[in-house]
Amino acid sequence: DSRDFLKFCDDIRDETLANLGIRVEDSADSSVWKMDDPEAIRKEVEEKRQKATEAAEKKLRTKCEKLETDLKKAQQSRIPSSEWFKDAGKWGSYDADGKPLTTKEGEELSKSQQKAIAKELKSRQQAYEKLVKTAGEKGIDAYVAELERQLSELKLQ
């Protein structure tokens, strides 16, 4: 396989030739071989590896953070807007769409409460619709399970 061959070439350049004090400088169309202090070459190779390791770790952290965010959004959005307010436990009665009509003390909602609820309901509905679209044919539960699986696999790395 070509990846194995290229890794083998890198090992020769970074280990064998470096230990012999031979520096290989590649350009677009040629390579230049120079004699240099083996310790200086090994130090540069180690710094290059360290930077590559740090970049890979940063990429992995970023991917984990994105998956965690996606998973959190999906878990919050998976609750249909018709059920969202019922879970809060601070409302007394609801209309057919699950929108609160009264407080749990039985008082009618103020205009500002009604406006805030309508705004939140619209936002929840949009988030739910986006989740349904993102999940596609496999469904929300399968999509969330897949996100959880991907996240656990990344955390094992």
C-alpha atoms as a PDB file:
ATOM      1  CA  ASP A   1       0.000   0.000   0.000  1.00  0.00           C
ATOM      2  CA  SER A   2       1.280   3.498  -0.845  1.00  0.00           C
ATOM      3  CA  ARG A   3       0.775   4.834   2.697  1.00  0.00           C
ATOM      4  CA  ASP A   4       3.056   2.145   4.092  1.00  0.00           C
ATOM      5  CA  PHE A   5       5.663   2.979   1.467  1.00  0.00           C
ATOM      6  CA  LEU A   6       5.510   6.711   2.270  1.00  0.00           C
ATOM      7  CA  LYS A   7       5.745   5.995   6.000  1.00  0.00           C
ATOM      8  CA  PHE A   8       8.794   3.841   5.314  1.00  0.00           C
ATOM      9  CA  CYS A   9      10.359   6.723   3.329  1.00  0.00           C
ATOM     10  CA  ASP A  10       9.616   9.147   6.173  1.00  0.00           C
ATOM     11  CA  ASP A  11      11.256   6.771   8.653  1.00  0.00           C
ATOM     12  CA  ILE A  12      14.389   6.582   6.524  1.00  0.00           C
ATOM     13  CA  ARG A  13      14.541  10.391   6.215  1.00  0.00           C
ATOM     14  CA  ASP A  14      13.665  11.134   9.861  1.00  0.00           C
ATOM     15  CA  GLU A  15      15.611   8.303  11.545  1.00  0.00           C
ATOM     16  CA  THR A  16      18.309   6.666   9.451  1.00  0.00           C
ATOM     17  CA  LEU A  17      19.506   9.691   7.476  1.00  0.00           C
ATOM     18  CA  ALA A  18      19.115  12.016  10.476  1.00  0.00           C
ATOM     19  CA  ASN A  19      21.327   9.745  12.582  1.00  0.00           C
ATOM     20  CA  LEU A  20      23.936   9.866   9.799  1.00  0.00           C
ATOM     21  CA  GLY A  21      23.812  13.677   9.741  1.00  0.00           C
ATOM     22  CA  ILE A  22      22.108  13.899   6.347  1.00  0.00           C
ATOM     23  CA  ARG A  23      19.355  16.482   5.971  1.00  0.00           C
ATOM     24  CA  VAL A  24      16.907  16.070   3.067  1.00  0.00           C
ATOM     25  CA  GLU A  25      15.151  19.239   1.957  1.00  0.00           C
ATOM     26  CA  ASP A  26      12.290  18.593  -0.449  1.00  0.00           C
ATOM     27  CA  SER A  27      10.957  21.135  -2.893  1.00  0.00           C
ATOM     28  CA  ALA A  28       8.288  20.863  -5.557  1.00  0.00           C
ATOM     29  CA  ASP A  29      10.550  19.378  -8.215  1.00  0.00           C
ATOM     30  CA  SER A  30      13.703  18.142  -6.454  1.00  0.00           C
ATOM     31  CA  SER A  31      15.392  17.212  -3.195  1.00  0.00           C
ATOM     32  CA  VAL A  32      18.591  18.627  -1.770  1.00  0.00           C
ATOM     33  CA  TRP A  33      20.735  16.522   0.534  1.00  0.00           C
ATOM     34  CA  LYS A  34      23.004  18.357   2.987  1.00  0.00           C
ATOM     35  CA  MET A  35      25.384  17.286   5.730  1.00  0.00           C
ATOM     36  CA  ASP A  36      24.467  18.662   9.163  1.00  0.00           C
ATOM     37  CA  ASP A  37      24.782  17.947  12.865  1.00  0.00           C
ATOM     38  CA  PRO A  38      22.774  14.753  13.612  1.00  0.00           C
ATOM     39  CA  GLU A  39      21.590  16.149  16.952  1.00  0.00           C
ATOM     40  CA  ALA A  40      20.214  19.298  15.288  1.00  0.00           C
ATOM     41  CA  ILE A  41      18.352  17.208  12.704  1.00  0.00           C
ATOM     42  CA  ARG A  42      16.890  14.895  15.387  1.00  0.00           C
ATOM     43  CA  LYS A  43      15.765  17.934  17.382  1.00  0.00           C
ATOM     44  CA  GLU A  44      13.983  19.383  14.339  1.00  0.00           C
ATOM     45  CA  VAL A  45      12.342  16.028  13.586  1.00  0.00           C
ATOM     46  CA  GLU A  46      11.138  15.771  17.206  1.00  0.00           C
ATOM     47  CA  GLU A  47       9.743  19.334  17.099  1.00  0.00           C
ATOM     48  CA  LYS A  48       7.955  18.501  13.839  1.00  0.00           C
ATOM     49  CA  ARG A  49       6.438  15.365  15.397  1.00  0.00           C
ATOM     50  CA  GLN A  50       5.412  17.298  18.508  1.00  0.00           C
ATOM     51  CA  LYS A  51       3.632  19.924  16.397  1.00  0.00           C
ATOM     52  CA  ALA A  52       1.885  17.215  14.385  1.00  0.00           C
ATOM     53  CA  THR A  53       0.767  15.490  17.602  1.00  0.00           C
ATOM     54  CA  GLU A  54      -0.532  18.757  19.047  1.00  0.00           C
ATOM     55  CA  ALA A  55      -2.409  19.537  15.815  1.00  0.00           C
ATOM     56  CA  ALA A  56      -3.985  16.065  15.797  1.00  0.00           C
ATOM     57  CA  GLU A  57      -5.016  16.422  19.452  1.00  0.00           C
ATOM     58  CA  LYS A  58      -6.518  19.847  18.780  1.00  0.00           C
ATOM     59  CA  LYS A  59      -8.426  18.471  15.783  1.00  0.00           C
ATOM     60  CA  LEU A  60      -9.736  15.606  17.917  1.00  0.00           C
ATOM     61  CA  ARG A  61     -10.798  17.988  20.730  1.00  0.00           C
ATOM     62  CA  THR A  62     -12.562  20.251  18.242  1.00  0.00           C
ATOM     63  CA  LYS A  63     -14.391  17.299  16.699  1.00  0.00           C
ATOM     64  CA  CYS A  64     -15.422  16.052  20.171  1.00  0.00           C
ATOM     65  CA  GLU A  65     -16.671  19.504  21.143  1.00  0.00           C
ATOM     66  CA  LYS A  66     -18.723  19.755  17.947  1.00  0.00           C
ATOM     67  CA  LEU A  67     -20.221  16.297  18.492  1.00  0.00           C
ATOM     68  CA  GLU A  68     -21.023  17.146  22.124  1.00  0.00           C
ATOM     69  CA  THR A  69     -22.752  20.342  20.995  1.00  0.00           C
ATOM     70  CA  ASP A  70     -24.670  18.524  18.249  1.00  0.00           C
ATOM     71  CA  LEU A  71     -25.683  15.787  20.688  1.00  0.00           C
ATOM     72  CA  LYS A  72     -26.847  18.277  23.319  1.00  0.00           C
ATOM     73  CA  LYS A  73     -28.892  20.190  20.726  1.00  0.00           C
ATOM     74  CA  ALA A  74     -30.378  16.962  19.371  1.00  0.00           C
ATOM     75  CA  GLN A  75     -31.332  15.745  22.845  1.00  0.00           C
ATOM     76  CA  GLN A  76     -33.003  19.062  23.643  1.00  0.00           C
ATOM     77  CA  SER A  77     -34.691  19.337  20.257  1.00  0.00           C
ATOM     78  CA  ARG A  78     -35.982  15.768  20.213  1.00  0.00           C
ATOM     79  CA  ILE A  79     -38.779  16.737  22.627  1.00  0.00           C
ATOM     80  CA  PRO A  80     -41.713  17.828  20.437  1.00  0.00           C
ATOM     81  CA  SER A  81     -42.846  21.386  21.096  1.00  0.00           C
ATOM     82  CA  SER A  82     -46.271  20.049  22.106  1.00  0.00           C
ATOM     83  CA  GLU A  83     -44.592  18.307  25.086  1.00  0.00           C
ATOM     84  CA  TRP A  84     -41.904  20.875  25.903  1.00  0.00           C
ATOM     85  CA  PHE A  85     -43.863  23.040  28.346  1.00  0.00           C
ATOM     86  CA  LYS A  86     -45.517  20.056  30.046  1.00  0.00           C
ATOM     87  CA  ASP A  87     -42.115  18.875  31.295  1.00  0.00           C
ATOM     88  CA  ALA A  88     -41.456  22.210  33.032  1.00  0.00           C
ATOM     89  CA  GLY A  89     -44.113  21.628  35.711  1.00  0.00           C
ATOM     90  CA  LYS A  90     -44.915  25.300  36.138  1.00  0.00           C
ATOM     91  CA  TRP A  91     -48.077  25.532  34.058  1.00  0.00           C
ATOM     92  CA  GLY A  92     -51.632  24.592  34.938  1.00  0.00           C
ATOM     93  CA  SER A  93     -53.406  23.989  31.643  1.00  0.00           C
ATOM     94  CA  TYR A  94     -52.478  23.735  27.974  1.00  0.00           C
ATOM     95  CA  ASP A  95     -54.115  24.182  24.602  1.00  0.00           C
ATOM     96  CA  ALA A  96     -54.236  21.451  21.929  1.00  0.00           C
ATOM     97  CA  ASP A  97     -50.710  22.364  20.723  1.00  0.00           C
ATOM     98  CA  GLY A  98     -49.242  22.014  24.223  1.00  0.00           C
ATOM     99  CA  LYS A  99     -48.990  25.769  24.738  1.00  0.00           C
ATOM    100  CA  PRO A 100     -49.588  26.834  28.361  1.00  0.00           C
ATOM    101  CA  LEU A 101     -52.824  28.694  29.065  1.00  0.00           C
ATOM    102  CA  THR A 102     -52.572  29.174  32.844  1.00  0.00           C
ATOM    103  CA  THR A 103     -49.999  29.094  35.615  1.00  0.00           C
ATOM    104  CA  LYS A 104     -50.008  26.114  37.962  1.00  0.00           C
ATOM    105  CA  GLU A 105     -51.941  28.326  40.418  1.00  0.00           C
ATOM    106  CA  GLY A 106     -54.697  28.601  37.772  1.00  0.00           C
ATOM    107  CA  GLU A 107     -54.077  32.259  36.858  1.00  0.00           C
ATOM    108  CA  GLU A 108     -54.254  33.339  33.242  1.00  0.00           C
ATOM    109  CA  LEU A 109     -50.946  34.196  31.634  1.00  0.00           C
ATOM    110  CA  SER A 110     -49.932  37.822  31.289  1.00  0.00           C
ATOM    111  CA  LYS A 111     -49.348  39.314  27.852  1.00  0.00           C
ATOM    112  CA  SER A 112     -45.575  39.191  28.368  1.00  0.00           C
ATOM    113  CA  GLN A 113     -45.739  35.518  29.425  1.00  0.00           C
ATOM    114  CA  GLN A 114     -47.858  34.692  26.383  1.00  0.00           C
ATOM    115  CA  LYS A 115     -45.418  36.522  24.124  1.00  0.00           C
ATOM    116  CA  ALA A 116     -42.384  34.756  25.678  1.00  0.00           C
ATOM    117  CA  ILE A 117     -44.102  31.372  25.373  1.00  0.00           C
ATOM    118  CA  ALA A 118     -45.039  32.008  21.733  1.00  0.00           C
ATOM    119  CA  LYS A 119     -41.448  32.986  20.971  1.00  0.00           C
ATOM    120  CA  GLU A 120     -40.029  29.927  22.722  1.00  0.00           C
ATOM    121  CA  LEU A 121     -42.599  27.671  21.069  1.00  0.00           C
ATOM    122  CA  LYS A 122     -41.622  28.959  17.625  1.00  0.00           C
ATOM    123  CA  SER A 123     -37.928  28.468  18.406  1.00  0.00           C
ATOM    124  CA  ARG A 124     -38.558  24.931  19.707  1.00  0.00           C
ATOM    125  CA  GLN A 125     -40.619  24.045  16.655  1.00  0.00           C
ATOM    126  CA  GLN A 126     -37.855  25.259  14.328  1.00  0.00           C
ATOM    127  CA  ALA A 127     -35.238  23.289  16.279  1.00  0.00           C
ATOM    128  CA  TYR A 128     -37.405  20.156  16.185  1.00  0.00           C
ATOM    129  CA  GLU A 129     -38.030  20.493  12.438  1.00  0.00           C
ATOM    130  CA  LYS A 130     -34.305  20.982  11.825  1.00  0.00           C
ATOM    131  CA  LEU A 131     -33.550  17.860  13.855  1.00  0.00           C
ATOM    132  CA  VAL A 132     -36.126  15.822  11.926  1.00  0.00           C
ATOM    133  CA  LYS A 133     -34.583  17.009   8.655  1.00  0.00           C
ATOM    134  CA  THR A 134     -31.025  16.265   9.850  1.00  0.00           C
ATOM    135  CA  ALA A 135     -31.987  12.832  11.168  1.00  0.00           C
ATOM    136  CA  GLY A 136     -33.594  11.972   7.844  1.00  0.00           C
ATOM    137  CA  GLU A 137     -35.142   8.582   7.212  1.00  0.00           C
ATOM    138  CA  LYS A 138     -33.266   6.844  10.007  1.00  0.00           C
ATOM    139  CA  GLY A 139     -35.209   8.864  12.570  1.00  0.00           C
ATOM    140  CA  ILE A 140     -34.309  10.988  15.566  1.00  0.00           C
ATOM    141  CA  ASP A 141     -33.527   8.155  17.990  1.00  0.00           C
ATOM    142  CA  ALA A 142     -31.138   6.495  15.538  1.00  0.00           C
ATOM    143  CA  TYR A 143     -29.490   9.855  14.782  1.00  0.00           C
ATOM    144  CA  VAL A 144     -28.949  10.604  18.481  1.00  0.00           C
ATOM    145  CA  ALA A 145     -27.624   7.068  19.044  1.00  0.00           C
ATOM    146  CA  GLU A 146     -25.185   7.536  16.155  1.00  0.00           C
ATOM    147  CA  LEU A 147     -23.934  10.831  17.620  1.00  0.00           C
ATOM    148  CA  GLU A 148     -23.443   9.129  20.990  1.00  0.00           C
ATOM    149  CA  ARG A 149     -21.552   6.256  19.346  1.00  0.00           C
ATOM    150  CA  GLN A 150     -19.275   8.617  17.386  1.00  0.00           C
ATOM    151  CA  LEU A 151     -18.562  10.644  20.512  1.00  0.00           C
ATOM    152  CA  SER A 152     -17.684   7.604  22.607  1.00  0.00           C
ATOM    153  CA  GLU A 153     -15.370   6.313  19.851  1.00  0.00           C
ATOM    154  CA  LEU A 154     -13.585   9.674  19.668  1.00  0.00           C
ATOM    155  CA  LYS A 155     -13.126   9.796  23.423  1.00  0.00           C
ATOM    156  CA  LEU A 156     -11.403   6.400  23.304  1.00  0.00           C
ATOM    157  CA  GLN A 157      -8.742   7.770  20.945  1.00  0.00           C
END
